[in-house]
Amino acid sequence: MAMIRVKLPQHLRTLAGIEGSEVEVAVEGAVSAATVLDALEAEYPMLKGTIRDHGSKQRRAYIRYFACQEDISHDAPEEALPAAVAKGREPFMVVGAISGG
């Protein structure tokens, strides 16, 4: 079982009642964006549907995922996250994107 650090935007931390800038979630098996978000939603059910669509599990518009300072938002959700994230040295980041010009 891997303990994964997850950083969330302030509005999601407020919704989930999370103090501090990050949480740790336990992931069994392969560590991917999908399994991290499954664990996050299991521990904080009030976040279901805020990061990913309820039915399709697709990333919501204006939400981005980062691992090791790289945008992995368009990678396959089942793709393994970098070893530094899987070992807890680096956080998996969920970021609210801004649009406009």
C-alpha atoms as a PDB file:
ATOM      1  CA  MET A   1       0.000   0.000   0.000  1.00  0.00           C
ATOM      2  CA  ALA A   2       1.345   3.411  -0.979  1.00  0.00           C
ATOM      3  CA  MET A   3       0.680   6.658   0.858  1.00  0.00           C
ATOM      4  CA  ILE A   4       0.212   9.357  -1.770  1.00  0.00           C
ATOM      5  CA  ARG A   5       0.413  13.064  -1.029  1.00  0.00           C
ATOM      6  CA  VAL A   6      -2.318  15.089  -2.738  1.00  0.00           C
ATOM      7  CA  LYS A   7      -2.446  18.881  -3.011  1.00  0.00           C
ATOM      8  CA  LEU A   8      -5.871  20.376  -3.688  1.00  0.00           C
ATOM      9  CA  PRO A   9      -7.086  23.897  -4.484  1.00  0.00           C
ATOM     10  CA  GLN A  10      -8.403  25.909  -1.547  1.00  0.00           C
ATOM     11  CA  HIS A  11     -12.078  25.659  -2.526  1.00  0.00           C
ATOM     12  CA  LEU A  12     -11.924  21.837  -2.586  1.00  0.00           C
ATOM     13  CA  ARG A  13     -10.059  21.730   0.731  1.00  0.00           C
ATOM     14  CA  THR A  14     -12.767  23.939   2.228  1.00  0.00           C
ATOM     15  CA  LEU A  15     -15.534  21.728   0.816  1.00  0.00           C
ATOM     16  CA  ALA A  16     -13.885  18.606   2.249  1.00  0.00           C
ATOM     17  CA  GLY A  17     -13.000  20.237   5.596  1.00  0.00           C
ATOM     18  CA  ILE A  18      -9.280  19.700   5.026  1.00  0.00           C
ATOM     19  CA  GLU A  19      -6.848  21.833   6.988  1.00  0.00           C
ATOM     20  CA  GLY A  20      -3.391  22.363   5.552  1.00  0.00           C
ATOM     21  CA  SER A  21      -2.244  22.347   1.973  1.00  0.00           C
ATOM     22  CA  GLU A  22      -2.232  18.599   1.326  1.00  0.00           C
ATOM     23  CA  VAL A  23      -3.647  15.244   2.391  1.00  0.00           C
ATOM     24  CA  GLU A  24      -2.359  11.690   2.243  1.00  0.00           C
ATOM     25  CA  VAL A  25      -4.421   8.860   0.796  1.00  0.00           C
ATOM     26  CA  ALA A  26      -3.682   5.139   0.782  1.00  0.00           C
ATOM     27  CA  VAL A  27      -3.587   3.507  -2.653  1.00  0.00           C
ATOM     28  CA  GLU A  28      -3.449  -0.254  -3.079  1.00  0.00           C
ATOM     29  CA  GLY A  29      -1.915  -1.669  -6.225  1.00  0.00           C
ATOM     30  CA  ALA A  30      -0.858   0.470  -9.178  1.00  0.00           C
ATOM     31  CA  VAL A  31      -0.526   4.191  -8.479  1.00  0.00           C
ATOM     32  CA  SER A  32      -2.217   6.199 -11.229  1.00  0.00           C
ATOM     33  CA  ALA A  33      -4.286   9.361 -11.389  1.00  0.00           C
ATOM     34  CA  ALA A  34      -7.416   7.177 -11.438  1.00  0.00           C
ATOM     35  CA  THR A  35      -6.463   5.155  -8.343  1.00  0.00           C
ATOM     36  CA  VAL A  36      -5.345   8.257  -6.433  1.00  0.00           C
ATOM     37  CA  LEU A  37      -8.628  10.022  -7.188  1.00  0.00           C
ATOM     38  CA  ASP A  38     -10.603   6.869  -6.300  1.00  0.00           C
ATOM     39  CA  ALA A  39      -8.864   6.813  -2.904  1.00  0.00           C
ATOM     40  CA  LEU A  40      -9.373  10.565  -2.435  1.00  0.00           C
ATOM     41  CA  GLU A  41     -13.113  10.323  -3.198  1.00  0.00           C
ATOM     42  CA  ALA A  42     -13.447   7.295  -0.897  1.00  0.00           C
ATOM     43  CA  GLU A  43     -11.875   9.201   1.997  1.00  0.00           C
ATOM     44  CA  TYR A  44     -13.621  12.503   1.198  1.00  0.00           C
ATOM     45  CA  PRO A  45     -16.973  11.568  -0.408  1.00  0.00           C
ATOM     46  CA  MET A  46     -18.013  15.218  -0.599  1.00  0.00           C
ATOM     47  CA  LEU A  47     -15.445  15.600  -3.403  1.00  0.00           C
ATOM     48  CA  LYS A  48     -17.203  13.065  -5.659  1.00  0.00           C
ATOM     49  CA  GLY A  49     -18.170  14.799  -8.870  1.00  0.00           C
ATOM     50  CA  THR A  50     -16.064  17.893  -8.220  1.00  0.00           C
ATOM     51  CA  ILE A  51     -12.819  16.719  -9.828  1.00  0.00           C
ATOM     52  CA  ARG A  52     -14.217  14.059 -12.174  1.00  0.00           C
ATOM     53  CA  ASP A  53     -17.632  13.412 -13.660  1.00  0.00           C
ATOM     54  CA  HIS A  54     -19.698  10.939 -11.574  1.00  0.00           C
ATOM     55  CA  GLY A  55     -20.508   8.565 -14.406  1.00  0.00           C
ATOM     56  CA  SER A  56     -17.688   8.778 -16.923  1.00  0.00           C
ATOM     57  CA  LYS A  57     -14.890   9.530 -14.402  1.00  0.00           C
ATOM     58  CA  GLN A  58     -13.497  12.045 -16.913  1.00  0.00           C
ATOM     59  CA  ARG A  59     -11.619  15.070 -15.621  1.00  0.00           C
ATOM     60  CA  ARG A  60     -13.815  18.151 -15.249  1.00  0.00           C
ATOM     61  CA  ALA A  61     -13.148  21.167 -17.437  1.00  0.00           C
ATOM     62  CA  TYR A  62     -10.796  23.677 -15.809  1.00  0.00           C
ATOM     63  CA  ILE A  63      -9.190  21.022 -13.607  1.00  0.00           C
ATOM     64  CA  ARG A  64      -5.580  20.013 -14.285  1.00  0.00           C
ATOM     65  CA  TYR A  65      -3.383  17.264 -12.789  1.00  0.00           C
ATOM     66  CA  PHE A  66       0.328  17.687 -12.141  1.00  0.00           C
ATOM     67  CA  ALA A  67       3.002  15.213 -11.060  1.00  0.00           C
ATOM     68  CA  CYS A  68       6.668  16.138 -10.633  1.00  0.00           C
ATOM     69  CA  GLN A  69       5.953  19.619 -12.035  1.00  0.00           C
ATOM     70  CA  GLU A  70       4.551  18.162 -15.289  1.00  0.00           C
ATOM     71  CA  ASP A  71       1.007  18.563 -16.557  1.00  0.00           C
ATOM     72  CA  ILE A  72      -0.408  15.046 -16.868  1.00  0.00           C
ATOM     73  CA  SER A  73      -4.004  16.137 -17.433  1.00  0.00           C
ATOM     74  CA  HIS A  74      -4.205  14.584 -20.894  1.00  0.00           C
ATOM     75  CA  ASP A  75      -2.378  11.347 -20.030  1.00  0.00           C
ATOM     76  CA  ALA A  76      -4.488   8.198 -19.715  1.00  0.00           C
ATOM     77  CA  PRO A  77      -5.924   8.104 -16.160  1.00  0.00           C
ATOM     78  CA  GLU A  78      -4.657   4.516 -15.734  1.00  0.00           C
ATOM     79  CA  GLU A  79      -1.074   5.438 -16.677  1.00  0.00           C
ATOM     80  CA  ALA A  80       1.367   4.923 -13.804  1.00  0.00           C
ATOM     81  CA  LEU A  81       2.413   8.065 -11.964  1.00  0.00           C
ATOM     82  CA  PRO A  82       6.142   8.845 -11.577  1.00  0.00           C
ATOM     83  CA  ALA A  83       7.993   6.877  -8.893  1.00  0.00           C
ATOM     84  CA  ALA A  84       8.560  10.043  -6.824  1.00  0.00           C
ATOM     85  CA  VAL A  85       4.773  10.447  -6.479  1.00  0.00           C
ATOM     86  CA  ALA A  86       4.193   6.728  -5.857  1.00  0.00           C
ATOM     87  CA  LYS A  87       6.793   6.786  -3.056  1.00  0.00           C
ATOM     88  CA  GLY A  88       5.402   9.962  -1.454  1.00  0.00           C
ATOM     89  CA  ARG A  89       8.402  12.177  -2.201  1.00  0.00           C
ATOM     90  CA  GLU A  90       6.409  14.440  -4.547  1.00  0.00           C
ATOM     91  CA  PRO A  91       2.701  15.319  -4.384  1.00  0.00           C
ATOM     92  CA  PHE A  92      -0.007  14.612  -6.938  1.00  0.00           C
ATOM     93  CA  MET A  93      -1.515  18.040  -7.569  1.00  0.00           C
ATOM     94  CA  VAL A  94      -5.081  18.898  -8.561  1.00  0.00           C
ATOM     95  CA  VAL A  95      -5.139  22.483  -9.852  1.00  0.00           C
ATOM     96  CA  GLY A  96      -8.014  24.723 -10.863  1.00  0.00           C
ATOM     97  CA  ALA A  97      -7.183  26.116 -14.318  1.00  0.00           C
ATOM     98  CA  ILE A  98      -7.992  29.663 -15.372  1.00  0.00           C
ATOM     99  CA  SER A  99      -9.197  30.554 -18.822  1.00  0.00           C
ATOM    100  CA  GLY A 100      -9.439  33.872 -20.563  1.00  0.00           C
ATOM    101  CA  GLY A 101      -7.065  36.252 -22.148  1.00  0.00           C
END
